[in-house]
Amino acid sequence: MTGFLRLLRRCAPVAVALAALLADGAASGAPASPPVVARSAANSAHAIAVIYPDIGEPYRSVFTRIIEGVEDTAKSRVVSIPVGMSVNTQDLAAELRRQDIKVVIALGRHGLLAAAGLDRNVGVVAAGVLSVPEAEARATPVFSLSPDPALLFARLKNLLPGTRRVHVVYDPRQSGWLIRLARQAARTYDIELLTYEADDLKTAAVRYRELLASADPRRDAVWLPQDSTTVDETSILPMVLQESWNRGLPVFSSSVSHVKRGALFSLYPDNVELGRNLGNVAQGYLSNGVAGVRGIVPLREVLAAVNVRTASHLGLDLTSRRQNFDLIFPEP
């Protein structure tokens, strides 16, 4: 598990949440090293464990919903184990052996760090992070919080059929895997994907200024990925949203919080459906000894958010299509 541990130390510290990603700071109130407490469903041979961050509301409800989804599809006993910022891995491993756990679903950074110290004979399904180093994720399924570009482009084409080009600024270290998927999806939807690499905030700002100056609002759109290098919340995001508003240029995002601030639309996790998918993968591991998938998998269990004020500004009438969105900003 040493390679997986290196992977976790380098991955983005995020977990699933409704309106935004949950960073380490949101968990600062959690106990430093809580006792391992396992809660399980009915008794049966071989169980699935879900290890998740021990934090308060509203985030605890998010993990509860994911676990509900896991229980919906798992044919085996499901044991839920909350962990703090640090956990005694020996105690955790002993508890898993006592419960006859053969596969672990590790959620969020705390869950992943706890799972990294487990025995090799315990399968791990990782979820609740944005990305990991690809070379170290080849043997482990990692279900990312980044929405599948194909789903984003499908939604874009539904709202703006005339879109022909999508601009995106990204850091290859964080989002290289996602951009490769995006290139494939762009061909499917007859979109020219214009990509701009940036490995620091200063370069990203230059790239955005250049593309915003040259983009054609009649056929272009800007995609904001969940990339901490290129989409800074305090400088880049306000600049992009203001300039796009002034020019009538559509901006869509992989982060639902950006829709509240003015992006046209975003996709975000359907927590129960995500849990159901994780449960299916874990059950496959129990049945076949393999997870069925490897590497980083984009988020496909999604809900949709839209900003109706931005839509109106762009000349879009969503009156008959509001039912196609699960979250609407500004809130009624």
C-alpha atoms as a PDB file:
ATOM      1  CA  MET A   1       0.000   0.000   0.000  1.00  0.00           C
ATOM      2  CA  THR A   2       3.025   2.326   0.021  1.00  0.00           C
ATOM      3  CA  GLY A   3       2.316   3.573  -3.500  1.00  0.00           C
ATOM      4  CA  PHE A   4      -1.285   4.282  -2.550  1.00  0.00           C
ATOM      5  CA  LEU A   5      -0.101   6.203   0.499  1.00  0.00           C
ATOM      6  CA  ARG A   6       2.117   8.388  -1.699  1.00  0.00           C
ATOM      7  CA  LEU A   7      -0.885   8.900  -3.950  1.00  0.00           C
ATOM      8  CA  LEU A   8      -3.020  10.143  -1.076  1.00  0.00           C
ATOM      9  CA  ARG A   9      -0.392  12.544   0.206  1.00  0.00           C
ATOM     10  CA  ARG A  10      -0.309  14.216  -3.196  1.00  0.00           C
ATOM     11  CA  CYS A  11      -4.021  14.199  -4.044  1.00  0.00           C
ATOM     12  CA  ALA A  12      -6.342  17.182  -3.646  1.00  0.00           C
ATOM     13  CA  PRO A  13      -7.831  17.292  -0.098  1.00  0.00           C
ATOM     14  CA  VAL A  14     -11.508  17.215  -0.980  1.00  0.00           C
ATOM     15  CA  ALA A  15     -14.682  15.321  -0.146  1.00  0.00           C
ATOM     16  CA  VAL A  16     -18.185  15.233  -1.570  1.00  0.00           C
ATOM     17  CA  ALA A  17     -20.503  18.129  -0.680  1.00  0.00           C
ATOM     18  CA  LEU A  18     -23.615  19.639  -2.202  1.00  0.00           C
ATOM     19  CA  ALA A  19     -22.717  23.270  -2.755  1.00  0.00           C
ATOM     20  CA  ALA A  20     -18.926  23.093  -2.736  1.00  0.00           C
ATOM     21  CA  LEU A  21     -16.029  20.739  -2.166  1.00  0.00           C
ATOM     22  CA  LEU A  22     -15.163  20.011   1.428  1.00  0.00           C
ATOM     23  CA  ALA A  23     -11.551  20.959   2.183  1.00  0.00           C
ATOM     24  CA  ASP A  24      -9.496  20.115   5.254  1.00  0.00           C
ATOM     25  CA  GLY A  25     -10.524  23.280   7.055  1.00  0.00           C
ATOM     26  CA  ALA A  26     -14.149  22.154   7.232  1.00  0.00           C
ATOM     27  CA  ALA A  27     -13.099  19.199   9.323  1.00  0.00           C
ATOM     28  CA  SER A  28     -11.048  21.127  11.855  1.00  0.00           C
ATOM     29  CA  GLY A  29     -13.597  20.443  14.577  1.00  0.00           C
ATOM     30  CA  ALA A  30     -13.214  16.671  14.279  1.00  0.00           C
ATOM     31  CA  PRO A  31     -11.400  14.828  17.056  1.00  0.00           C
ATOM     32  CA  ALA A  32      -7.735  14.194  16.304  1.00  0.00           C
ATOM     33  CA  SER A  33      -7.886  10.454  16.892  1.00  0.00           C
ATOM     34  CA  PRO A  34     -11.369   9.087  17.597  1.00  0.00           C
ATOM     35  CA  PRO A  35     -11.941   5.482  18.560  1.00  0.00           C
ATOM     36  CA  VAL A  36     -12.879   3.154  15.732  1.00  0.00           C
ATOM     37  CA  VAL A  37     -16.642   2.711  15.917  1.00  0.00           C
ATOM     38  CA  ALA A  38     -18.258   0.410  13.377  1.00  0.00           C
ATOM     39  CA  ARG A  39     -21.958   0.481  12.568  1.00  0.00           C
ATOM     40  CA  SER A  40     -23.241  -2.360  10.439  1.00  0.00           C
ATOM     41  CA  ALA A  41     -26.363  -3.777   8.837  1.00  0.00           C
ATOM     42  CA  ALA A  42     -27.510  -7.384   9.145  1.00  0.00           C
ATOM     43  CA  ASN A  43     -24.934 -10.098   9.810  1.00  0.00           C
ATOM     44  CA  SER A  44     -23.505 -12.059   6.854  1.00  0.00           C
ATOM     45  CA  ALA A  45     -20.192 -13.455   5.679  1.00  0.00           C
ATOM     46  CA  HIS A  46     -17.723 -10.956   4.207  1.00  0.00           C
ATOM     47  CA  ALA A  47     -18.602  -7.312   4.584  1.00  0.00           C
ATOM     48  CA  ILE A  48     -17.993  -3.993   2.854  1.00  0.00           C
ATOM     49  CA  ALA A  49     -16.726  -1.111   4.977  1.00  0.00           C
ATOM     50  CA  VAL A  50     -17.250   2.567   4.224  1.00  0.00           C
ATOM     51  CA  ILE A  51     -14.613   4.747   5.892  1.00  0.00           C
ATOM     52  CA  TYR A  52     -15.546   8.415   5.916  1.00  0.00           C
ATOM     53  CA  PRO A  53     -14.546  11.680   7.680  1.00  0.00           C
ATOM     54  CA  ASP A  54     -15.947  12.140  11.178  1.00  0.00           C
ATOM     55  CA  ILE A  55     -17.297  15.674  10.792  1.00  0.00           C
ATOM     56  CA  GLY A  56     -20.439  17.572  11.677  1.00  0.00           C
ATOM     57  CA  GLU A  57     -23.410  18.758   9.698  1.00  0.00           C
ATOM     58  CA  PRO A  58     -24.181  19.592   6.964  1.00  0.00           C
ATOM     59  CA  TYR A  59     -21.374  17.411   5.636  1.00  0.00           C
ATOM     60  CA  ARG A  60     -22.188  14.349   7.720  1.00  0.00           C
ATOM     61  CA  SER A  61     -25.537  14.086   5.926  1.00  0.00           C
ATOM     62  CA  VAL A  62     -23.701  13.983   2.606  1.00  0.00           C
ATOM     63  CA  PHE A  63     -21.751  10.906   3.663  1.00  0.00           C
ATOM     64  CA  THR A  64     -24.892   9.393   5.168  1.00  0.00           C
ATOM     65  CA  ARG A  65     -26.600   9.657   1.778  1.00  0.00           C
ATOM     66  CA  ILE A  66     -23.658   8.018   0.030  1.00  0.00           C
ATOM     67  CA  ILE A  67     -23.730   5.168   2.532  1.00  0.00           C
ATOM     68  CA  GLU A  68     -27.482   4.775   1.932  1.00  0.00           C
ATOM     69  CA  GLY A  69     -26.699   4.326  -1.748  1.00  0.00           C
ATOM     70  CA  VAL A  70     -24.012   1.746  -0.985  1.00  0.00           C
ATOM     71  CA  GLU A  71     -26.477  -0.210   1.142  1.00  0.00           C
ATOM     72  CA  ASP A  72     -29.066  -0.095  -1.662  1.00  0.00           C
ATOM     73  CA  THR A  73     -26.885  -2.099  -4.043  1.00  0.00           C
ATOM     74  CA  ALA A  74     -24.526  -4.100  -1.850  1.00  0.00           C
ATOM     75  CA  LYS A  75     -25.577  -7.695  -1.353  1.00  0.00           C
ATOM     76  CA  SER A  76     -23.248  -7.965   1.618  1.00  0.00           C
ATOM     77  CA  ARG A  77     -23.187  -6.425   5.051  1.00  0.00           C
ATOM     78  CA  VAL A  78     -22.130  -2.740   5.039  1.00  0.00           C
ATOM     79  CA  VAL A  79     -20.097  -1.406   7.964  1.00  0.00           C
ATOM     80  CA  SER A  80     -19.695   2.387   8.305  1.00  0.00           C
ATOM     81  CA  ILE A  81     -16.638   3.688  10.143  1.00  0.00           C
ATOM     82  CA  PRO A  82     -16.095   7.427  10.799  1.00  0.00           C
ATOM     83  CA  VAL A  83     -12.465   8.537  11.201  1.00  0.00           C
ATOM     84  CA  GLY A  84     -10.835  11.779  12.292  1.00  0.00           C
ATOM     85  CA  MET A  85      -7.786  13.580  10.948  1.00  0.00           C
ATOM     86  CA  SER A  86      -5.632  10.782  12.304  1.00  0.00           C
ATOM     87  CA  VAL A  87      -6.542   7.246  13.210  1.00  0.00           C
ATOM     88  CA  ASN A  88      -4.760   4.282  14.758  1.00  0.00           C
ATOM     89  CA  THR A  89      -4.380   2.078  11.690  1.00  0.00           C
ATOM     90  CA  GLN A  90      -3.625  -0.996  13.816  1.00  0.00           C
ATOM     91  CA  ASP A  91      -6.925  -0.614  15.662  1.00  0.00           C
ATOM     92  CA  LEU A  92      -8.702  -0.007  12.370  1.00  0.00           C
ATOM     93  CA  ALA A  93      -7.139  -3.060  10.734  1.00  0.00           C
ATOM     94  CA  ALA A  94      -8.065  -5.204  13.740  1.00  0.00           C
ATOM     95  CA  GLU A  95     -11.664  -4.005  13.572  1.00  0.00           C
ATOM     96  CA  LEU A  96     -11.842  -4.788   9.855  1.00  0.00           C
ATOM     97  CA  ARG A  97     -10.495  -8.294  10.435  1.00  0.00           C
ATOM     98  CA  ARG A  98     -13.016  -8.825  13.230  1.00  0.00           C
ATOM     99  CA  GLN A  99     -15.840  -7.742  10.903  1.00  0.00           C
ATOM    100  CA  ASP A 100     -14.458  -9.920   8.060  1.00  0.00           C
ATOM    101  CA  ILE A 101     -14.080  -6.911   5.760  1.00  0.00           C
ATOM    102  CA  LYS A 102     -12.744  -7.767   2.309  1.00  0.00           C
ATOM    103  CA  VAL A 103     -13.214  -4.422   0.566  1.00  0.00           C
ATOM    104  CA  VAL A 104     -13.209  -0.821   1.778  1.00  0.00           C
ATOM    105  CA  ILE A 105     -14.889   2.203   0.200  1.00  0.00           C
ATOM    106  CA  ALA A 106     -12.750   5.144   1.354  1.00  0.00           C
ATOM    107  CA  LEU A 107     -14.404   8.570   1.178  1.00  0.00           C
ATOM    108  CA  GLY A 108     -12.652  11.914   1.434  1.00  0.00           C
ATOM    109  CA  ARG A 109      -9.049  12.546   2.354  1.00  0.00           C
ATOM    110  CA  HIS A 110      -9.369  11.228   5.909  1.00  0.00           C
ATOM    111  CA  GLY A 111     -10.990   8.029   4.713  1.00  0.00           C
ATOM    112  CA  LEU A 112      -8.319   7.538   2.071  1.00  0.00           C
ATOM    113  CA  LEU A 113      -5.450   8.136   4.455  1.00  0.00           C
ATOM    114  CA  ALA A 114      -6.931   5.630   6.878  1.00  0.00           C
ATOM    115  CA  ALA A 115      -7.336   3.038   4.114  1.00  0.00           C
ATOM    116  CA  ALA A 116      -3.762   3.528   2.929  1.00  0.00           C
ATOM    117  CA  GLY A 117      -2.395   1.643   5.926  1.00  0.00           C
ATOM    118  CA  LEU A 118      -4.538  -1.455   5.531  1.00  0.00           C
ATOM    119  CA  ASP A 119      -3.437  -4.989   4.682  1.00  0.00           C
ATOM    120  CA  ARG A 120      -2.824  -5.823   1.038  1.00  0.00           C
ATOM    121  CA  ASN A 121      -5.592  -8.419   1.041  1.00  0.00           C
ATOM    122  CA  VAL A 122      -8.224  -5.717   1.618  1.00  0.00           C
ATOM    123  CA  GLY A 123      -9.488  -4.153  -1.610  1.00  0.00           C
ATOM    124  CA  VAL A 124      -9.836  -0.365  -1.706  1.00  0.00           C
ATOM    125  CA  VAL A 125     -12.276   1.690  -3.758  1.00  0.00           C
ATOM    126  CA  ALA A 126     -11.401   5.387  -3.473  1.00  0.00           C
ATOM    127  CA  ALA A 127     -13.867   8.256  -3.857  1.00  0.00           C
ATOM    128  CA  GLY A 128     -14.384  11.847  -2.818  1.00  0.00           C
ATOM    129  CA  VAL A 129     -11.244  13.392  -4.377  1.00  0.00           C
ATOM    130  CA  LEU A 130     -10.754  15.383  -7.556  1.00  0.00           C
ATOM    131  CA  SER A 131      -7.619  13.774  -8.945  1.00  0.00           C
ATOM    132  CA  VAL A 132      -4.565  11.714  -8.087  1.00  0.00           C
ATOM    133  CA  PRO A 133      -1.235  11.075  -9.847  1.00  0.00           C
ATOM    134  CA  GLU A 134      -2.220   8.782 -12.693  1.00  0.00           C
ATOM    135  CA  ALA A 135       0.842   6.532 -12.451  1.00  0.00           C
ATOM    136  CA  GLU A 136      -0.114   5.622  -8.891  1.00  0.00           C
ATOM    137  CA  ALA A 137      -3.843   5.152  -9.569  1.00  0.00           C
ATOM    138  CA  ARG A 138      -3.554   2.417 -12.183  1.00  0.00           C
ATOM    139  CA  ALA A 139      -4.185  -0.425  -9.763  1.00  0.00           C
ATOM    140  CA  THR A 140      -6.922   1.287  -7.742  1.00  0.00           C
ATOM    141  CA  PRO A 141     -10.305   2.623  -8.867  1.00  0.00           C
ATOM    142  CA  VAL A 142     -10.527   6.303  -7.930  1.00  0.00           C
ATOM    143  CA  PHE A 143     -13.948   7.871  -8.444  1.00  0.00           C
ATOM    144  CA  SER A 144     -13.355  11.569  -8.951  1.00  0.00           C
ATOM    145  CA  LEU A 145     -15.665  14.441  -8.048  1.00  0.00           C
ATOM    146  CA  SER A 146     -14.937  16.071 -11.429  1.00  0.00           C
ATOM    147  CA  PRO A 147     -18.026  15.724 -13.654  1.00  0.00           C
ATOM    148  CA  ASP A 148     -17.575  13.765 -16.872  1.00  0.00           C
ATOM    149  CA  PRO A 149     -16.823  16.275 -19.673  1.00  0.00           C
ATOM    150  CA  ALA A 150     -19.201  14.362 -21.955  1.00  0.00           C
ATOM    151  CA  LEU A 151     -22.090  15.174 -19.609  1.00  0.00           C
ATOM    152  CA  LEU A 152     -21.058  18.826 -19.407  1.00  0.00           C
ATOM    153  CA  PHE A 153     -20.819  19.142 -23.193  1.00  0.00           C
ATOM    154  CA  ALA A 154     -24.175  17.430 -23.670  1.00  0.00           C
ATOM    155  CA  ARG A 155     -25.802  19.934 -21.322  1.00  0.00           C
ATOM    156  CA  LEU A 156     -24.005  22.826 -23.053  1.00  0.00           C
ATOM    157  CA  LYS A 157     -25.248  21.732 -26.478  1.00  0.00           C
ATOM    158  CA  ASN A 158     -28.774  21.360 -25.139  1.00  0.00           C
ATOM    159  CA  LEU A 159     -28.773  24.933 -23.846  1.00  0.00           C
ATOM    160  CA  LEU A 160     -26.679  26.504 -26.606  1.00  0.00           C
ATOM    161  CA  PRO A 161     -26.847  24.357 -29.766  1.00  0.00           C
ATOM    162  CA  GLY A 162     -24.786  26.909 -31.706  1.00  0.00           C
ATOM    163  CA  THR A 163     -21.693  26.437 -29.544  1.00  0.00           C
ATOM    164  CA  ARG A 164     -18.772  25.352 -31.685  1.00  0.00           C
ATOM    165  CA  ARG A 165     -15.722  25.998 -29.480  1.00  0.00           C
ATOM    166  CA  VAL A 166     -14.961  25.528 -25.785  1.00  0.00           C
ATOM    167  CA  HIS A 167     -11.983  27.223 -24.126  1.00  0.00           C
ATOM    168  CA  VAL A 168     -10.401  25.736 -21.000  1.00  0.00           C
ATOM    169  CA  VAL A 169      -7.325  26.687 -18.966  1.00  0.00           C
ATOM    170  CA  TYR A 170      -5.859  23.825 -16.951  1.00  0.00           C
ATOM    171  CA  ASP A 171      -2.849  22.541 -15.047  1.00  0.00           C
ATOM    172  CA  PRO A 172      -1.704  19.252 -16.645  1.00  0.00           C
ATOM    173  CA  ARG A 173      -0.560  17.970 -13.242  1.00  0.00           C
ATOM    174  CA  GLN A 174      -4.095  18.204 -11.880  1.00  0.00           C
ATOM    175  CA  SER A 175      -6.355  17.928 -14.896  1.00  0.00           C
ATOM    176  CA  GLY A 176      -4.382  16.245 -17.671  1.00  0.00           C
ATOM    177  CA  TRP A 177      -6.448  13.041 -17.367  1.00  0.00           C
ATOM    178  CA  LEU A 178      -9.675  15.052 -17.521  1.00  0.00           C
ATOM    179  CA  ILE A 179      -8.651  17.019 -20.599  1.00  0.00           C
ATOM    180  CA  ARG A 180      -7.899  13.792 -22.464  1.00  0.00           C
ATOM    181  CA  LEU A 181     -11.468  12.676 -21.764  1.00  0.00           C
ATOM    182  CA  ALA A 182     -12.714  16.118 -22.781  1.00  0.00           C
ATOM    183  CA  ARG A 183     -10.997  15.897 -26.166  1.00  0.00           C
ATOM    184  CA  GLN A 184     -12.783  12.629 -26.870  1.00  0.00           C
ATOM    185  CA  ALA A 185     -16.123  14.047 -25.738  1.00  0.00           C
ATOM    186  CA  ALA A 186     -15.649  17.219 -27.798  1.00  0.00           C
ATOM    187  CA  ARG A 187     -15.416  15.186 -31.006  1.00  0.00           C
ATOM    188  CA  THR A 188     -18.673  13.440 -30.137  1.00  0.00           C
ATOM    189  CA  TYR A 189     -20.491  16.753 -29.761  1.00  0.00           C
ATOM    190  CA  ASP A 190     -18.853  18.506 -32.726  1.00  0.00           C
ATOM    191  CA  ILE A 191     -16.979  20.896 -30.451  1.00  0.00           C
ATOM    192  CA  GLU A 192     -13.491  22.259 -30.996  1.00  0.00           C
ATOM    193  CA  LEU A 193     -11.762  22.128 -27.621  1.00  0.00           C
ATOM    194  CA  LEU A 194      -9.182  24.894 -27.232  1.00  0.00           C
ATOM    195  CA  THR A 195      -6.868  24.082 -24.313  1.00  0.00           C
ATOM    196  CA  TYR A 196      -4.397  26.371 -22.571  1.00  0.00           C
ATOM    197  CA  GLU A 197      -1.830  24.974 -20.143  1.00  0.00           C
ATOM    198  CA  ALA A 198      -0.847  26.893 -17.018  1.00  0.00           C
ATOM    199  CA  ASP A 199       1.235  25.670 -14.092  1.00  0.00           C
ATOM    200  CA  ASP A 200       0.790  28.741 -11.882  1.00  0.00           C
ATOM    201  CA  LEU A 201      -1.771  31.441 -11.165  1.00  0.00           C
ATOM    202  CA  LYS A 202       0.076  34.190 -13.015  1.00  0.00           C
ATOM    203  CA  THR A 203       0.212  32.176 -16.224  1.00  0.00           C
ATOM    204  CA  ALA A 204      -3.434  31.208 -15.842  1.00  0.00           C
ATOM    205  CA  ALA A 205      -4.449  34.873 -15.574  1.00  0.00           C
ATOM    206  CA  VAL A 206      -2.590  35.676 -18.798  1.00  0.00           C
ATOM    207  CA  ARG A 207      -4.240  32.748 -20.593  1.00  0.00           C
ATOM    208  CA  TYR A 208      -7.719  33.864 -19.497  1.00  0.00           C
ATOM    209  CA  ARG A 209      -7.154  37.445 -20.595  1.00  0.00           C
ATOM    210  CA  GLU A 210      -6.007  36.262 -24.010  1.00  0.00           C
ATOM    211  CA  LEU A 211      -8.898  33.886 -24.609  1.00  0.00           C
ATOM    212  CA  LEU A 212     -11.515  36.288 -23.284  1.00  0.00           C
ATOM    213  CA  ALA A 213     -10.248  38.965 -25.668  1.00  0.00           C
ATOM    214  CA  SER A 214     -10.479  36.664 -28.688  1.00  0.00           C
ATOM    215  CA  ALA A 215     -13.548  34.519 -27.899  1.00  0.00           C
ATOM    216  CA  ASP A 216     -16.652  34.933 -30.050  1.00  0.00           C
ATOM    217  CA  PRO A 217     -19.821  34.935 -27.883  1.00  0.00           C
ATOM    218  CA  ARG A 218     -21.864  33.662 -30.844  1.00  0.00           C
ATOM    219  CA  ARG A 219     -20.057  30.324 -31.010  1.00  0.00           C
ATOM    220  CA  ASP A 220     -17.679  30.067 -28.022  1.00  0.00           C
ATOM    221  CA  ALA A 221     -18.003  29.103 -24.356  1.00  0.00           C
ATOM    222  CA  VAL A 222     -15.566  28.929 -21.438  1.00  0.00           C
ATOM    223  CA  TRP A 223     -15.286  25.867 -19.186  1.00  0.00           C
ATOM    224  CA  LEU A 224     -14.006  26.268 -15.621  1.00  0.00           C
ATOM    225  CA  PRO A 225     -12.649  22.919 -14.352  1.00  0.00           C
ATOM    226  CA  GLN A 226     -12.113  22.143 -10.664  1.00  0.00           C
ATOM    227  CA  ASP A 227      -8.447  23.070 -10.940  1.00  0.00           C
ATOM    228  CA  SER A 228      -6.947  24.927  -7.984  1.00  0.00           C
ATOM    229  CA  THR A 229      -4.051  26.249 -10.097  1.00  0.00           C
ATOM    230  CA  THR A 230      -6.119  27.847 -12.833  1.00  0.00           C
ATOM    231  CA  VAL A 231      -9.463  28.699 -11.185  1.00  0.00           C
ATOM    232  CA  ASP A 232      -8.629  30.830  -8.182  1.00  0.00           C
ATOM    233  CA  GLU A 233     -11.806  31.825  -6.332  1.00  0.00           C
ATOM    234  CA  THR A 234     -10.633  35.304  -5.328  1.00  0.00           C
ATOM    235  CA  SER A 235      -8.948  36.598  -8.489  1.00  0.00           C
ATOM    236  CA  ILE A 236      -9.513  34.435 -11.577  1.00  0.00           C
ATOM    237  CA  LEU A 237     -13.182  33.609 -11.026  1.00  0.00           C
ATOM    238  CA  PRO A 238     -14.421  37.210 -10.512  1.00  0.00           C
ATOM    239  CA  MET A 239     -12.409  38.400 -13.514  1.00  0.00           C
ATOM    240  CA  VAL A 240     -13.725  35.665 -15.821  1.00  0.00           C
ATOM    241  CA  LEU A 241     -17.342  36.060 -14.690  1.00  0.00           C
ATOM    242  CA  GLN A 242     -17.286  39.859 -15.008  1.00  0.00           C
ATOM    243  CA  GLU A 243     -15.663  39.894 -18.443  1.00  0.00           C
ATOM    244  CA  SER A 244     -17.919  37.122 -19.733  1.00  0.00           C
ATOM    245  CA  TRP A 245     -20.969  39.021 -18.463  1.00  0.00           C
ATOM    246  CA  ASN A 246     -19.827  42.194 -20.206  1.00  0.00           C
ATOM    247  CA  ARG A 247     -19.310  40.333 -23.500  1.00  0.00           C
ATOM    248  CA  GLY A 248     -22.278  37.955 -23.283  1.00  0.00           C
ATOM    249  CA  LEU A 249     -19.933  34.957 -23.327  1.00  0.00           C
ATOM    250  CA  PRO A 250     -21.274  31.709 -21.795  1.00  0.00           C
ATOM    251  CA  VAL A 251     -19.274  30.250 -18.907  1.00  0.00           C
ATOM    252  CA  PHE A 252     -20.039  26.832 -17.467  1.00  0.00           C
ATOM    253  CA  SER A 253     -18.265  25.128 -14.594  1.00  0.00           C
ATOM    254  CA  SER A 254     -17.442  21.834 -12.928  1.00  0.00           C
ATOM    255  CA  SER A 255     -18.115  23.467  -9.544  1.00  0.00           C
ATOM    256  CA  VAL A 256     -21.669  24.171  -8.397  1.00  0.00           C
ATOM    257  CA  SER A 257     -20.530  27.082  -6.211  1.00  0.00           C
ATOM    258  CA  HIS A 258     -19.564  28.981  -9.377  1.00  0.00           C
ATOM    259  CA  VAL A 259     -23.181  28.879 -10.586  1.00  0.00           C
ATOM    260  CA  LYS A 260     -24.284  30.766  -7.503  1.00  0.00           C
ATOM    261  CA  ARG A 261     -21.720  33.448  -8.395  1.00  0.00           C
ATOM    262  CA  GLY A 262     -22.771  33.731 -12.037  1.00  0.00           C
ATOM    263  CA  ALA A 263     -21.656  30.779 -14.172  1.00  0.00           C
ATOM    264  CA  LEU A 264     -24.447  29.523 -16.431  1.00  0.00           C
ATOM    265  CA  PHE A 265     -24.615  25.907 -15.227  1.00  0.00           C
ATOM    266  CA  SER A 266     -22.749  23.120 -13.494  1.00  0.00           C
ATOM    267  CA  LEU A 267     -23.096  19.454 -12.631  1.00  0.00           C
ATOM    268  CA  TYR A 268     -22.618  18.188  -9.081  1.00  0.00           C
ATOM    269  CA  PRO A 269     -22.794  14.829  -7.256  1.00  0.00           C
ATOM    270  CA  ASP A 270     -26.014  12.888  -6.807  1.00  0.00           C
ATOM    271  CA  ASN A 271     -24.853  11.406  -3.514  1.00  0.00           C
ATOM    272  CA  VAL A 272     -27.238   8.445  -3.334  1.00  0.00           C
ATOM    273  CA  GLU A 273     -26.548   7.423  -6.934  1.00  0.00           C
ATOM    274  CA  LEU A 274     -22.817   7.800  -6.343  1.00  0.00           C
ATOM    275  CA  GLY A 275     -23.144   5.489  -3.348  1.00  0.00           C
ATOM    276  CA  ARG A 276     -25.069   2.944  -5.413  1.00  0.00           C
ATOM    277  CA  ASN A 277     -22.321   2.884  -8.007  1.00  0.00           C
ATOM    278  CA  LEU A 278     -19.635   2.496  -5.339  1.00  0.00           C
ATOM    279  CA  GLY A 279     -21.649  -0.331  -3.811  1.00  0.00           C
ATOM    280  CA  ASN A 280     -21.811  -2.117  -7.164  1.00  0.00           C
ATOM    281  CA  VAL A 281     -18.061  -1.785  -7.652  1.00  0.00           C
ATOM    282  CA  ALA A 282     -17.339  -3.061  -4.135  1.00  0.00           C
ATOM    283  CA  GLN A 283     -19.749  -5.951  -4.605  1.00  0.00           C
ATOM    284  CA  GLY A 284     -17.975  -6.843  -7.836  1.00  0.00           C
ATOM    285  CA  TYR A 285     -14.719  -6.951  -5.942  1.00  0.00           C
ATOM    286  CA  LEU A 286     -16.215  -9.363  -3.416  1.00  0.00           C
ATOM    287  CA  SER A 287     -17.614 -11.571  -6.170  1.00  0.00           C
ATOM    288  CA  ASN A 288     -14.673 -11.594  -8.579  1.00  0.00           C
ATOM    289  CA  GLY A 289     -11.638 -10.433  -6.633  1.00  0.00           C
ATOM    290  CA  VAL A 290     -11.310  -7.364  -8.880  1.00  0.00           C
ATOM    291  CA  ALA A 291     -13.046  -4.006  -8.936  1.00  0.00           C
ATOM    292  CA  GLY A 292     -13.808  -4.087 -12.655  1.00  0.00           C
ATOM    293  CA  VAL A 293     -12.407  -0.595 -13.223  1.00  0.00           C
ATOM    294  CA  ARG A 294      -9.005   0.985 -12.578  1.00  0.00           C
ATOM    295  CA  GLY A 295      -7.546   4.451 -12.615  1.00  0.00           C
ATOM    296  CA  ILE A 296      -9.434   7.714 -12.321  1.00  0.00           C
ATOM    297  CA  VAL A 297     -13.136   7.657 -13.194  1.00  0.00           C
ATOM    298  CA  PRO A 298     -15.022  10.946 -13.754  1.00  0.00           C
ATOM    299  CA  LEU A 299     -18.259  11.674 -11.922  1.00  0.00           C
ATOM    300  CA  ARG A 300     -21.256  10.381 -13.866  1.00  0.00           C
ATOM    301  CA  GLU A 301     -23.857  10.333 -11.070  1.00  0.00           C
ATOM    302  CA  VAL A 302     -24.814  13.983 -11.338  1.00  0.00           C
ATOM    303  CA  LEU A 303     -27.458  16.597 -10.719  1.00  0.00           C
ATOM    304  CA  ALA A 304     -27.612  19.932 -12.543  1.00  0.00           C
ATOM    305  CA  ALA A 305     -27.581  23.552 -11.351  1.00  0.00           C
ATOM    306  CA  VAL A 306     -28.379  26.669 -13.397  1.00  0.00           C
ATOM    307  CA  ASN A 307     -28.249  30.426 -12.899  1.00  0.00           C
ATOM    308  CA  VAL A 308     -31.452  31.817 -14.408  1.00  0.00           C
ATOM    309  CA  ARG A 309     -30.246  35.418 -14.176  1.00  0.00           C
ATOM    310  CA  THR A 310     -27.222  34.556 -16.307  1.00  0.00           C
ATOM    311  CA  ALA A 311     -29.380  32.542 -18.673  1.00  0.00           C
ATOM    312  CA  SER A 312     -31.706  35.513 -19.157  1.00  0.00           C
ATOM    313  CA  HIS A 313     -28.717  37.799 -19.742  1.00  0.00           C
ATOM    314  CA  LEU A 314     -27.550  35.425 -22.501  1.00  0.00           C
ATOM    315  CA  GLY A 315     -31.007  35.459 -24.093  1.00  0.00           C
ATOM    316  CA  LEU A 316     -31.986  31.948 -22.976  1.00  0.00           C
ATOM    317  CA  ASP A 317     -35.591  31.252 -22.007  1.00  0.00           C
ATOM    318  CA  LEU A 318     -35.587  28.412 -19.472  1.00  0.00           C
ATOM    319  CA  THR A 319     -39.270  28.689 -18.565  1.00  0.00           C
ATOM    320  CA  SER A 320     -40.122  25.313 -20.042  1.00  0.00           C
ATOM    321  CA  ARG A 321     -36.846  23.675 -19.034  1.00  0.00           C
ATOM    322  CA  ARG A 322     -36.523  24.493 -15.339  1.00  0.00           C
ATOM    323  CA  GLN A 323     -37.696  21.033 -14.441  1.00  0.00           C
ATOM    324  CA  ASN A 324     -34.499  19.718 -16.053  1.00  0.00           C
ATOM    325  CA  PHE A 325     -32.447  21.368 -13.292  1.00  0.00           C
ATOM    326  CA  ASP A 326     -32.178  20.252  -9.693  1.00  0.00           C
ATOM    327  CA  LEU A 327     -30.793  23.488  -8.243  1.00  0.00           C
ATOM    328  CA  ILE A 328     -31.666  26.992  -9.406  1.00  0.00           C
ATOM    329  CA  PHE A 329     -29.852  30.250  -8.639  1.00  0.00           C
ATOM    330  CA  PRO A 330     -30.659  32.903  -7.590  1.00  0.00           C
ATOM    331  CA  GLU A 331     -32.746  30.959  -5.119  1.00  0.00           C
ATOM    332  CA  PRO A 332     -36.489  31.734  -5.389  1.00  0.00           C
END
